[in-house]
Amino acid sequence: MSISQDRASVEAYAQWLLRLLDLKKVTRPRRVDRGTGLERLDAHRMPLSHFTDAIPFGNEAAWNWRDAEHGDQSDDVFTIATPADVDNRLNIATVQRCDDPGTADHDRMMVRRLRFVKRPIAPAVRAARHTIEVATLVVTDEALGLAETHVSYYGTDGTLGGQFSNLLTGAPADVRTTTMLRIALGLQFMRRYDWHVRIQGPKGTGLLIPATATGCRNLLKERDLADGEVRRASLVHLVAEHQRRKPSAPHRTTDPDDLTWVREHSRGRRKFTWNGMQGEVLPSQDVVDRLAAPT
């Protein structure tokens, strides 16, 4: 897929999140289930700010930004890890179009935040060692700016490869939900090693795009020029460790005493504007820690 097609796809996600800023009303769904007349345990309202920094999910074009070296993109996000492997760290938001045919939410914009919590805010009929909260915001009417939120909880008994269960109903999680939870665990693992591009709206709601250092540059080749600029300032990038000739040394010298080592470091701007939106390149935490480590 071409760079221009990828850019259009990612821009579409950014526009969805900007539309979230214009929502006129965010509510919880009706507490009474029309089919059974029973109260819905998952009918809870979550604030819009809860869904910021969402990562594009379920869209091949968005993942192409990562400039993966191998062909199978699914290897980047899928894991057989259990919640115990990332205990107290899972906190991922994703944005996508709902692709469940035949459901009321089909083709609606959906943002989910998955995170570990110590106790559910809704009554759970089943206990678990590790509780994953899945808070969902669904835009029910984009034209009118209406959305609703609800929350569900999943967990395992802590055994290796344990089956996820819905803690509100006690029923086993279906295949689609299990895959979503596994991918979220994989995304969490990658957070330390991925670079990200953050595109942010005027009120702070943002979109995180996973990328490699090279992918960040490709994504932003056509970023906006700042006022007074005739060429785009260089974005943040890594400079590998290398030797440099001392200023007093003869030209083309090979004498070790005339050379000095320059440690690995970063250069360039992190912040930019892109299609009128504020953006920032976020180097991976692994890189940040490595550069900060004493020599």
C-alpha atoms as a PDB file:
ATOM      1  CA  MET A   1       0.000   0.000   0.000  1.00  0.00           C
ATOM      2  CA  SER A   2       1.357   3.413  -0.947  1.00  0.00           C
ATOM      3  CA  ILE A   3       2.395   6.136   1.448  1.00  0.00           C
ATOM      4  CA  SER A   4      -0.354   8.449   0.139  1.00  0.00           C
ATOM      5  CA  GLN A   5      -3.035   5.793   0.718  1.00  0.00           C
ATOM      6  CA  ASP A   6      -1.716   5.177   4.244  1.00  0.00           C
ATOM      7  CA  ARG A   7      -1.745   8.888   4.993  1.00  0.00           C
ATOM      8  CA  ALA A   8      -5.370   9.160   3.894  1.00  0.00           C
ATOM      9  CA  SER A   9      -6.315   6.260   6.157  1.00  0.00           C
ATOM     10  CA  VAL A  10      -4.569   7.689   9.210  1.00  0.00           C
ATOM     11  CA  GLU A  11      -6.026  11.125   8.517  1.00  0.00           C
ATOM     12  CA  ALA A  12      -9.490   9.550   8.523  1.00  0.00           C
ATOM     13  CA  TYR A  13      -8.845   8.241  12.043  1.00  0.00           C
ATOM     14  CA  ALA A  14      -7.662  11.684  13.109  1.00  0.00           C
ATOM     15  CA  GLN A  15     -10.822  13.262  11.751  1.00  0.00           C
ATOM     16  CA  TRP A  16     -12.940  10.739  13.675  1.00  0.00           C
ATOM     17  CA  LEU A  17     -11.259  11.733  16.918  1.00  0.00           C
ATOM     18  CA  LEU A  18     -11.652  15.413  16.135  1.00  0.00           C
ATOM     19  CA  ARG A  19     -15.370  14.763  15.670  1.00  0.00           C
ATOM     20  CA  LEU A  20     -15.404  13.329  19.177  1.00  0.00           C
ATOM     21  CA  LEU A  21     -14.539  16.832  20.376  1.00  0.00           C
ATOM     22  CA  ASP A  22     -17.782  18.071  18.847  1.00  0.00           C
ATOM     23  CA  LEU A  23     -20.027  15.538  20.571  1.00  0.00           C
ATOM     24  CA  LYS A  24     -23.023  17.343  22.008  1.00  0.00           C
ATOM     25  CA  LYS A  25     -24.018  14.606  24.430  1.00  0.00           C
ATOM     26  CA  VAL A  26     -22.326  11.500  25.819  1.00  0.00           C
ATOM     27  CA  THR A  27     -24.642   9.268  27.834  1.00  0.00           C
ATOM     28  CA  ARG A  28     -24.840   5.749  29.154  1.00  0.00           C
ATOM     29  CA  PRO A  29     -27.167   3.257  27.425  1.00  0.00           C
ATOM     30  CA  ARG A  30     -30.591   2.508  28.867  1.00  0.00           C
ATOM     31  CA  ARG A  31     -30.230   0.592  32.092  1.00  0.00           C
ATOM     32  CA  VAL A  32     -33.197  -1.676  31.338  1.00  0.00           C
ATOM     33  CA  ASP A  33     -32.661  -4.385  28.752  1.00  0.00           C
ATOM     34  CA  ARG A  34     -35.665  -4.280  26.404  1.00  0.00           C
ATOM     35  CA  GLY A  35     -35.580  -8.019  25.805  1.00  0.00           C
ATOM     36  CA  THR A  36     -35.537  -9.273  29.372  1.00  0.00           C
ATOM     37  CA  GLY A  37     -36.656  -6.269  31.397  1.00  0.00           C
ATOM     38  CA  LEU A  38     -33.601  -6.777  33.607  1.00  0.00           C
ATOM     39  CA  GLU A  39     -31.236  -4.008  34.629  1.00  0.00           C
ATOM     40  CA  ARG A  40     -28.078  -3.846  32.505  1.00  0.00           C
ATOM     41  CA  LEU A  41     -25.091  -4.261  34.785  1.00  0.00           C
ATOM     42  CA  ASP A  42     -22.732  -2.653  32.250  1.00  0.00           C
ATOM     43  CA  ALA A  43     -24.709   0.565  31.749  1.00  0.00           C
ATOM     44  CA  HIS A  44     -22.226   3.139  33.008  1.00  0.00           C
ATOM     45  CA  ARG A  45     -21.206   6.539  31.677  1.00  0.00           C
ATOM     46  CA  MET A  46     -17.486   7.179  31.135  1.00  0.00           C
ATOM     47  CA  PRO A  47     -16.039  10.688  30.534  1.00  0.00           C
ATOM     48  CA  LEU A  48     -14.816  11.556  27.030  1.00  0.00           C
ATOM     49  CA  SER A  49     -11.318  12.229  28.382  1.00  0.00           C
ATOM     50  CA  HIS A  50     -11.138   8.545  29.287  1.00  0.00           C
ATOM     51  CA  PHE A  51     -10.684   7.677  25.596  1.00  0.00           C
ATOM     52  CA  THR A  52      -7.802   9.946  24.588  1.00  0.00           C
ATOM     53  CA  ASP A  53      -4.602   8.752  22.829  1.00  0.00           C
ATOM     54  CA  ALA A  54      -6.365   5.913  21.025  1.00  0.00           C
ATOM     55  CA  ILE A  55      -4.346   3.700  18.671  1.00  0.00           C
ATOM     56  CA  PRO A  56      -5.835   2.793  15.251  1.00  0.00           C
ATOM     57  CA  PHE A  57      -7.043  -0.788  15.500  1.00  0.00           C
ATOM     58  CA  GLY A  58      -8.139  -3.293  12.903  1.00  0.00           C
ATOM     59  CA  ASN A  59      -6.946  -1.265   9.912  1.00  0.00           C
ATOM     60  CA  GLU A  60      -4.116  -2.547   7.755  1.00  0.00           C
ATOM     61  CA  ALA A  61      -3.135   0.867   6.406  1.00  0.00           C
ATOM     62  CA  ALA A  62      -2.548   2.323   9.861  1.00  0.00           C
ATOM     63  CA  TRP A  63      -0.228  -0.538  10.799  1.00  0.00           C
ATOM     64  CA  ASN A  64       1.860  -0.046   7.661  1.00  0.00           C
ATOM     65  CA  TRP A  65       3.351   3.054   9.271  1.00  0.00           C
ATOM     66  CA  ARG A  66       5.366   0.796  11.509  1.00  0.00           C
ATOM     67  CA  ASP A  67       7.661  -0.119   8.609  1.00  0.00           C
ATOM     68  CA  ALA A  68       7.826  -3.717   9.824  1.00  0.00           C
ATOM     69  CA  GLU A  69      10.739  -5.786   8.600  1.00  0.00           C
ATOM     70  CA  HIS A  70       8.714  -8.976   8.263  1.00  0.00           C
ATOM     71  CA  GLY A  71       5.616  -9.641   6.220  1.00  0.00           C
ATOM     72  CA  ASP A  72       3.045 -10.825   8.746  1.00  0.00           C
ATOM     73  CA  GLN A  73       1.638  -7.685  10.359  1.00  0.00           C
ATOM     74  CA  SER A  74      -0.383  -9.729  12.861  1.00  0.00           C
ATOM     75  CA  ASP A  75       2.845 -10.829  14.556  1.00  0.00           C
ATOM     76  CA  ASP A  76       3.290  -7.221  15.706  1.00  0.00           C
ATOM     77  CA  VAL A  77       0.151  -7.110  17.797  1.00  0.00           C
ATOM     78  CA  PHE A  78      -0.884 -10.636  18.725  1.00  0.00           C
ATOM     79  CA  THR A  79       0.440 -12.441  21.788  1.00  0.00           C
ATOM     80  CA  ILE A  80      -0.321 -15.527  23.848  1.00  0.00           C
ATOM     81  CA  ALA A  81       0.641 -13.630  26.980  1.00  0.00           C
ATOM     82  CA  THR A  82      -1.599 -13.881  30.014  1.00  0.00           C
ATOM     83  CA  PRO A  83      -2.685 -10.867  32.091  1.00  0.00           C
ATOM     84  CA  ALA A  84      -0.185 -11.932  34.761  1.00  0.00           C
ATOM     85  CA  ASP A  85       2.644 -11.098  32.347  1.00  0.00           C
ATOM     86  CA  VAL A  86       1.700  -7.405  32.261  1.00  0.00           C
ATOM     87  CA  ASP A  87       0.032  -7.114  35.659  1.00  0.00           C
ATOM     88  CA  ASN A  88      -0.868  -3.537  36.680  1.00  0.00           C
ATOM     89  CA  ARG A  89       0.362  -2.085  33.367  1.00  0.00           C
ATOM     90  CA  LEU A  90      -2.312  -2.691  30.718  1.00  0.00           C
ATOM     91  CA  ASN A  91      -3.766   0.668  29.687  1.00  0.00           C
ATOM     92  CA  ILE A  92      -4.511   0.874  25.964  1.00  0.00           C
ATOM     93  CA  ALA A  93      -7.134   2.807  23.982  1.00  0.00           C
ATOM     94  CA  THR A  94      -8.078   1.810  20.418  1.00  0.00           C
ATOM     95  CA  VAL A  95     -10.266   3.421  17.751  1.00  0.00           C
ATOM     96  CA  GLN A  96     -11.972   1.647  14.859  1.00  0.00           C
ATOM     97  CA  ARG A  97     -15.124   1.299  12.806  1.00  0.00           C
ATOM     98  CA  CYS A  98     -17.270  -1.503  14.195  1.00  0.00           C
ATOM     99  CA  ASP A  99     -17.217  -4.371  11.692  1.00  0.00           C
ATOM    100  CA  ASP A 100     -19.832  -6.605  13.321  1.00  0.00           C
ATOM    101  CA  PRO A 101     -22.431  -7.200  10.551  1.00  0.00           C
ATOM    102  CA  GLY A 102     -26.022  -7.389  11.675  1.00  0.00           C
ATOM    103  CA  THR A 103     -25.444  -5.508  14.938  1.00  0.00           C
ATOM    104  CA  ALA A 104     -26.772  -2.079  15.903  1.00  0.00           C
ATOM    105  CA  ASP A 105     -23.210  -0.734  16.078  1.00  0.00           C
ATOM    106  CA  HIS A 106     -22.133  -1.881  12.597  1.00  0.00           C
ATOM    107  CA  ASP A 107     -20.058   0.815  10.819  1.00  0.00           C
ATOM    108  CA  ARG A 108     -20.187   3.137  13.826  1.00  0.00           C
ATOM    109  CA  MET A 109     -17.067   4.754  15.227  1.00  0.00           C
ATOM    110  CA  MET A 110     -16.016   2.934  18.383  1.00  0.00           C
ATOM    111  CA  VAL A 111     -13.301   3.800  20.898  1.00  0.00           C
ATOM    112  CA  ARG A 112     -12.301   1.345  23.620  1.00  0.00           C
ATOM    113  CA  ARG A 113      -9.984   1.655  26.584  1.00  0.00           C
ATOM    114  CA  LEU A 114      -8.700  -1.591  28.065  1.00  0.00           C
ATOM    115  CA  ARG A 115      -6.939  -1.421  31.410  1.00  0.00           C
ATOM    116  CA  PHE A 116      -6.284  -3.393  34.543  1.00  0.00           C
ATOM    117  CA  VAL A 117      -8.401  -2.404  37.545  1.00  0.00           C
ATOM    118  CA  LYS A 118      -8.501  -3.669  41.101  1.00  0.00           C
ATOM    119  CA  ARG A 119     -12.272  -3.709  41.379  1.00  0.00           C
ATOM    120  CA  PRO A 120     -15.136  -3.273  38.872  1.00  0.00           C
ATOM    121  CA  ILE A 121     -17.534  -0.333  39.132  1.00  0.00           C
ATOM    122  CA  ALA A 122     -20.342  -2.713  38.105  1.00  0.00           C
ATOM    123  CA  PRO A 123     -21.386  -5.705  40.212  1.00  0.00           C
ATOM    124  CA  ALA A 124     -19.442  -8.779  39.062  1.00  0.00           C
ATOM    125  CA  VAL A 125     -20.900 -12.248  39.540  1.00  0.00           C
ATOM    126  CA  ARG A 126     -17.510 -13.877  39.160  1.00  0.00           C
ATOM    127  CA  ALA A 127     -14.121 -13.177  40.745  1.00  0.00           C
ATOM    128  CA  ALA A 128     -10.792 -13.201  38.916  1.00  0.00           C
ATOM    129  CA  ARG A 129      -7.146 -12.719  39.789  1.00  0.00           C
ATOM    130  CA  HIS A 130      -6.703 -10.170  36.980  1.00  0.00           C
ATOM    131  CA  THR A 131      -9.552  -7.881  35.970  1.00  0.00           C
ATOM    132  CA  ILE A 132      -9.527  -6.100  32.604  1.00  0.00           C
ATOM    133  CA  GLU A 133     -11.959  -3.219  32.241  1.00  0.00           C
ATOM    134  CA  VAL A 134     -13.224  -2.620  28.688  1.00  0.00           C
ATOM    135  CA  ALA A 135     -14.801   0.851  28.524  1.00  0.00           C
ATOM    136  CA  THR A 136     -16.479   1.486  25.153  1.00  0.00           C
ATOM    137  CA  LEU A 137     -17.648   4.712  23.554  1.00  0.00           C
ATOM    138  CA  VAL A 138     -19.898   4.319  20.491  1.00  0.00           C
ATOM    139  CA  VAL A 139     -20.860   7.318  18.353  1.00  0.00           C
ATOM    140  CA  THR A 140     -24.530   6.580  17.748  1.00  0.00           C
ATOM    141  CA  ASP A 141     -25.229   9.649  15.568  1.00  0.00           C
ATOM    142  CA  GLU A 142     -22.273  11.478  14.013  1.00  0.00           C
ATOM    143  CA  ALA A 143     -24.456  14.185  12.446  1.00  0.00           C
ATOM    144  CA  LEU A 144     -26.088  15.119  15.769  1.00  0.00           C
ATOM    145  CA  GLY A 145     -22.945  14.480  17.832  1.00  0.00           C
ATOM    146  CA  LEU A 146     -24.472  11.799  20.064  1.00  0.00           C
ATOM    147  CA  ALA A 147     -22.598   8.937  21.719  1.00  0.00           C
ATOM    148  CA  GLU A 148     -23.038   6.497  24.552  1.00  0.00           C
ATOM    149  CA  THR A 149     -20.648   4.581  26.753  1.00  0.00           C
ATOM    150  CA  HIS A 150     -20.751   1.370  28.704  1.00  0.00           C
ATOM    151  CA  VAL A 151     -18.283  -0.861  30.507  1.00  0.00           C
ATOM    152  CA  SER A 152     -17.621  -4.582  30.702  1.00  0.00           C
ATOM    153  CA  TYR A 153     -15.107  -6.677  32.634  1.00  0.00           C
ATOM    154  CA  TYR A 154     -13.094  -9.747  31.721  1.00  0.00           C
ATOM    155  CA  GLY A 155     -10.629 -11.852  33.657  1.00  0.00           C
ATOM    156  CA  THR A 156      -8.939 -15.210  34.022  1.00  0.00           C
ATOM    157  CA  ASP A 157      -8.297 -17.478  36.956  1.00  0.00           C
ATOM    158  CA  GLY A 158      -4.570 -16.770  36.596  1.00  0.00           C
ATOM    159  CA  THR A 159      -3.596 -20.133  35.115  1.00  0.00           C
ATOM    160  CA  LEU A 160      -1.280 -20.330  32.092  1.00  0.00           C
ATOM    161  CA  GLY A 161      -3.356 -19.724  28.954  1.00  0.00           C
ATOM    162  CA  GLY A 162      -6.501 -19.393  31.071  1.00  0.00           C
ATOM    163  CA  GLN A 163      -9.807 -18.707  29.340  1.00  0.00           C
ATOM    164  CA  PHE A 164     -11.159 -15.159  29.612  1.00  0.00           C
ATOM    165  CA  SER A 165     -14.606 -14.867  31.182  1.00  0.00           C
ATOM    166  CA  ASN A 166     -17.126 -12.048  31.310  1.00  0.00           C
ATOM    167  CA  LEU A 167     -17.125 -11.150  34.993  1.00  0.00           C
ATOM    168  CA  LEU A 168     -20.562  -9.496  34.805  1.00  0.00           C
ATOM    169  CA  THR A 169     -22.323 -12.573  33.416  1.00  0.00           C
ATOM    170  CA  GLY A 170     -19.926 -15.406  34.223  1.00  0.00           C
ATOM    171  CA  ALA A 171     -19.977 -16.584  30.589  1.00  0.00           C
ATOM    172  CA  PRO A 172     -16.777 -17.418  28.667  1.00  0.00           C
ATOM    173  CA  ALA A 173     -15.564 -14.662  26.338  1.00  0.00           C
ATOM    174  CA  ASP A 174     -16.255 -15.303  22.652  1.00  0.00           C
ATOM    175  CA  VAL A 175     -13.469 -15.668  20.086  1.00  0.00           C
ATOM    176  CA  ARG A 176     -13.678 -12.039  18.903  1.00  0.00           C
ATOM    177  CA  THR A 177     -13.413 -10.668  22.436  1.00  0.00           C
ATOM    178  CA  THR A 178     -10.568 -13.012  23.333  1.00  0.00           C
ATOM    179  CA  THR A 179      -8.635 -11.881  20.251  1.00  0.00           C
ATOM    180  CA  MET A 180      -9.231  -8.232  21.176  1.00  0.00           C
ATOM    181  CA  LEU A 181      -7.889  -8.833  24.686  1.00  0.00           C
ATOM    182  CA  ARG A 182      -4.833 -10.694  23.373  1.00  0.00           C
ATOM    183  CA  ILE A 183      -4.056  -7.910  20.900  1.00  0.00           C
ATOM    184  CA  ALA A 184      -4.347  -5.341  23.702  1.00  0.00           C
ATOM    185  CA  LEU A 185      -1.770  -7.280  25.730  1.00  0.00           C
ATOM    186  CA  GLY A 186       0.493  -7.361  22.669  1.00  0.00           C
ATOM    187  CA  LEU A 187       0.126  -3.611  22.151  1.00  0.00           C
ATOM    188  CA  GLN A 188       1.090  -3.037  25.767  1.00  0.00           C
ATOM    189  CA  PHE A 189       4.269  -5.069  25.339  1.00  0.00           C
ATOM    190  CA  MET A 190       5.190  -2.993  22.278  1.00  0.00           C
ATOM    191  CA  ARG A 191       4.660   0.370  23.985  1.00  0.00           C
ATOM    192  CA  ARG A 192       8.195   0.304  25.383  1.00  0.00           C
ATOM    193  CA  TYR A 193       9.828  -0.291  21.999  1.00  0.00           C
ATOM    194  CA  ASP A 194       7.552   1.521  19.536  1.00  0.00           C
ATOM    195  CA  TRP A 195       7.954   5.105  18.499  1.00  0.00           C
ATOM    196  CA  HIS A 196       4.613   6.936  18.249  1.00  0.00           C
ATOM    197  CA  VAL A 197       3.249   9.920  16.404  1.00  0.00           C
ATOM    198  CA  ARG A 198       0.623  11.793  18.423  1.00  0.00           C
ATOM    199  CA  ILE A 199      -1.908  13.885  16.503  1.00  0.00           C
ATOM    200  CA  GLN A 200      -3.875  16.089  18.861  1.00  0.00           C
ATOM    201  CA  GLY A 201      -7.077  18.083  18.605  1.00  0.00           C
ATOM    202  CA  PRO A 202      -7.626  21.574  20.050  1.00  0.00           C
ATOM    203  CA  LYS A 203      -9.031  20.233  23.325  1.00  0.00           C
ATOM    204  CA  GLY A 204      -6.355  17.636  23.952  1.00  0.00           C
ATOM    205  CA  THR A 205      -8.004  14.479  22.635  1.00  0.00           C
ATOM    206  CA  GLY A 206      -5.374  12.665  20.606  1.00  0.00           C
ATOM    207  CA  LEU A 207      -4.560   9.767  18.343  1.00  0.00           C
ATOM    208  CA  LEU A 208      -1.401   7.663  18.794  1.00  0.00           C
ATOM    209  CA  ILE A 209       0.054   6.043  15.676  1.00  0.00           C
ATOM    210  CA  PRO A 210       2.648   3.316  16.350  1.00  0.00           C
ATOM    211  CA  ALA A 211       5.698   3.654  14.120  1.00  0.00           C
ATOM    212  CA  THR A 212       9.389   3.005  13.831  1.00  0.00           C
ATOM    213  CA  ALA A 213      11.809   5.927  13.660  1.00  0.00           C
ATOM    214  CA  THR A 214      11.808   5.584   9.853  1.00  0.00           C
ATOM    215  CA  GLY A 215       8.027   5.319   9.790  1.00  0.00           C
ATOM    216  CA  CYS A 216       7.712   8.614  11.684  1.00  0.00           C
ATOM    217  CA  ARG A 217       9.730  10.414   9.018  1.00  0.00           C
ATOM    218  CA  ASN A 218       7.723   8.864   6.173  1.00  0.00           C
ATOM    219  CA  LEU A 219       4.445   9.756   7.837  1.00  0.00           C
ATOM    220  CA  LEU A 220       5.354  13.411   8.228  1.00  0.00           C
ATOM    221  CA  LYS A 221       7.188  14.233   5.015  1.00  0.00           C
ATOM    222  CA  GLU A 222       4.427  16.675   4.093  1.00  0.00           C
ATOM    223  CA  ARG A 223       3.901  18.285   7.490  1.00  0.00           C
ATOM    224  CA  ASP A 224       2.976  21.975   7.575  1.00  0.00           C
ATOM    225  CA  LEU A 225       5.644  24.667   7.319  1.00  0.00           C
ATOM    226  CA  ALA A 226       5.930  26.848  10.423  1.00  0.00           C
ATOM    227  CA  ASP A 227       5.462  30.612  10.050  1.00  0.00           C
ATOM    228  CA  GLY A 228       8.511  32.138   8.379  1.00  0.00           C
ATOM    229  CA  GLU A 229      10.038  28.774   7.428  1.00  0.00           C
ATOM    230  CA  VAL A 230      11.160  28.096   3.866  1.00  0.00           C
ATOM    231  CA  ARG A 231      12.033  24.456   4.599  1.00  0.00           C
ATOM    232  CA  ARG A 232      10.730  22.019   7.173  1.00  0.00           C
ATOM    233  CA  ALA A 233      12.819  21.731  10.322  1.00  0.00           C
ATOM    234  CA  SER A 234      14.304  18.303  10.925  1.00  0.00           C
ATOM    235  CA  LEU A 235      12.188  16.033  13.123  1.00  0.00           C
ATOM    236  CA  VAL A 236      13.692  14.190  16.050  1.00  0.00           C
ATOM    237  CA  HIS A 237      15.985  11.360  14.967  1.00  0.00           C
ATOM    238  CA  LEU A 238      18.784   9.246  16.402  1.00  0.00           C
ATOM    239  CA  VAL A 239      22.454   9.888  15.731  1.00  0.00           C
ATOM    240  CA  ALA A 240      24.459   6.678  16.128  1.00  0.00           C
ATOM    241  CA  GLU A 241      27.635   6.557  18.193  1.00  0.00           C
ATOM    242  CA  HIS A 242      30.587   7.556  16.013  1.00  0.00           C
ATOM    243  CA  GLN A 243      34.120   8.928  15.980  1.00  0.00           C
ATOM    244  CA  ARG A 244      34.810  12.574  15.168  1.00  0.00           C
ATOM    245  CA  ARG A 245      38.051  14.361  14.322  1.00  0.00           C
ATOM    246  CA  LYS A 246      39.141  16.898  16.927  1.00  0.00           C
ATOM    247  CA  PRO A 247      39.082  20.504  15.636  1.00  0.00           C
ATOM    248  CA  SER A 248      42.854  20.827  16.112  1.00  0.00           C
ATOM    249  CA  ALA A 249      43.645  17.568  14.296  1.00  0.00           C
ATOM    250  CA  PRO A 250      44.984  17.399  10.734  1.00  0.00           C
ATOM    251  CA  HIS A 251      42.472  16.690   7.967  1.00  0.00           C
ATOM    252  CA  ARG A 252      42.090  12.960   7.125  1.00  0.00           C
ATOM    253  CA  THR A 253      44.056  11.959  10.214  1.00  0.00           C
ATOM    254  CA  THR A 254      43.855   8.359  11.399  1.00  0.00           C
ATOM    255  CA  ASP A 255      45.785   8.869  14.620  1.00  0.00           C
ATOM    256  CA  PRO A 256      43.568   7.643  17.511  1.00  0.00           C
ATOM    257  CA  ASP A 257      44.782  10.589  19.618  1.00  0.00           C
ATOM    258  CA  ASP A 258      43.245  12.953  17.045  1.00  0.00           C
ATOM    259  CA  LEU A 259      39.812  11.320  17.252  1.00  0.00           C
ATOM    260  CA  THR A 260      37.091  11.428  19.895  1.00  0.00           C
ATOM    261  CA  TRP A 261      33.988   9.320  20.407  1.00  0.00           C
ATOM    262  CA  VAL A 262      30.516  10.915  20.200  1.00  0.00           C
ATOM    263  CA  ARG A 263      27.906   8.903  22.070  1.00  0.00           C
ATOM    264  CA  GLU A 264      24.498   8.076  20.619  1.00  0.00           C
ATOM    265  CA  HIS A 265      22.095  11.002  20.910  1.00  0.00           C
ATOM    266  CA  SER A 266      18.930  12.509  19.411  1.00  0.00           C
ATOM    267  CA  ARG A 267      18.536  15.694  17.376  1.00  0.00           C
ATOM    268  CA  GLY A 268      15.677  17.648  15.849  1.00  0.00           C
ATOM    269  CA  ARG A 269      12.224  18.884  16.776  1.00  0.00           C
ATOM    270  CA  ARG A 270       9.565  16.722  18.323  1.00  0.00           C
ATOM    271  CA  LYS A 271       6.550  18.991  17.770  1.00  0.00           C
ATOM    272  CA  PHE A 272       4.971  19.942  14.443  1.00  0.00           C
ATOM    273  CA  THR A 273       1.646  20.706  12.753  1.00  0.00           C
ATOM    274  CA  TRP A 274       0.069  18.378  10.209  1.00  0.00           C
ATOM    275  CA  ASN A 275      -3.061  19.287   8.239  1.00  0.00           C
ATOM    276  CA  GLY A 276      -3.676  22.022  10.794  1.00  0.00           C
ATOM    277  CA  MET A 277      -3.511  19.634  13.751  1.00  0.00           C
ATOM    278  CA  GLN A 278      -0.891  19.646  16.496  1.00  0.00           C
ATOM    279  CA  GLY A 279       1.499  16.718  16.460  1.00  0.00           C
ATOM    280  CA  GLU A 280       4.425  15.303  18.362  1.00  0.00           C
ATOM    281  CA  VAL A 281       6.924  12.512  17.728  1.00  0.00           C
ATOM    282  CA  LEU A 282       7.372  10.347  20.829  1.00  0.00           C
ATOM    283  CA  PRO A 283      10.569   8.234  20.811  1.00  0.00           C
ATOM    284  CA  SER A 284      10.260   4.807  22.377  1.00  0.00           C
ATOM    285  CA  GLN A 285      10.805   4.538  26.113  1.00  0.00           C
ATOM    286  CA  ASP A 286      13.581   2.071  25.385  1.00  0.00           C
ATOM    287  CA  VAL A 287      15.435   4.764  23.394  1.00  0.00           C
ATOM    288  CA  VAL A 288      14.779   7.422  26.042  1.00  0.00           C
ATOM    289  CA  ASP A 289      16.216   5.192  28.783  1.00  0.00           C
ATOM    290  CA  ARG A 290      19.197   4.217  26.657  1.00  0.00           C
ATOM    291  CA  LEU A 291      20.143   7.813  25.896  1.00  0.00           C
ATOM    292  CA  ALA A 292      19.761   8.796  29.547  1.00  0.00           C
ATOM    293  CA  ALA A 293      21.921   5.947  30.840  1.00  0.00           C
ATOM    294  CA  PRO A 294      25.421   6.955  32.035  1.00  0.00           C
ATOM    295  CA  THR A 295      28.284   5.939  29.773  1.00  0.00           C
END
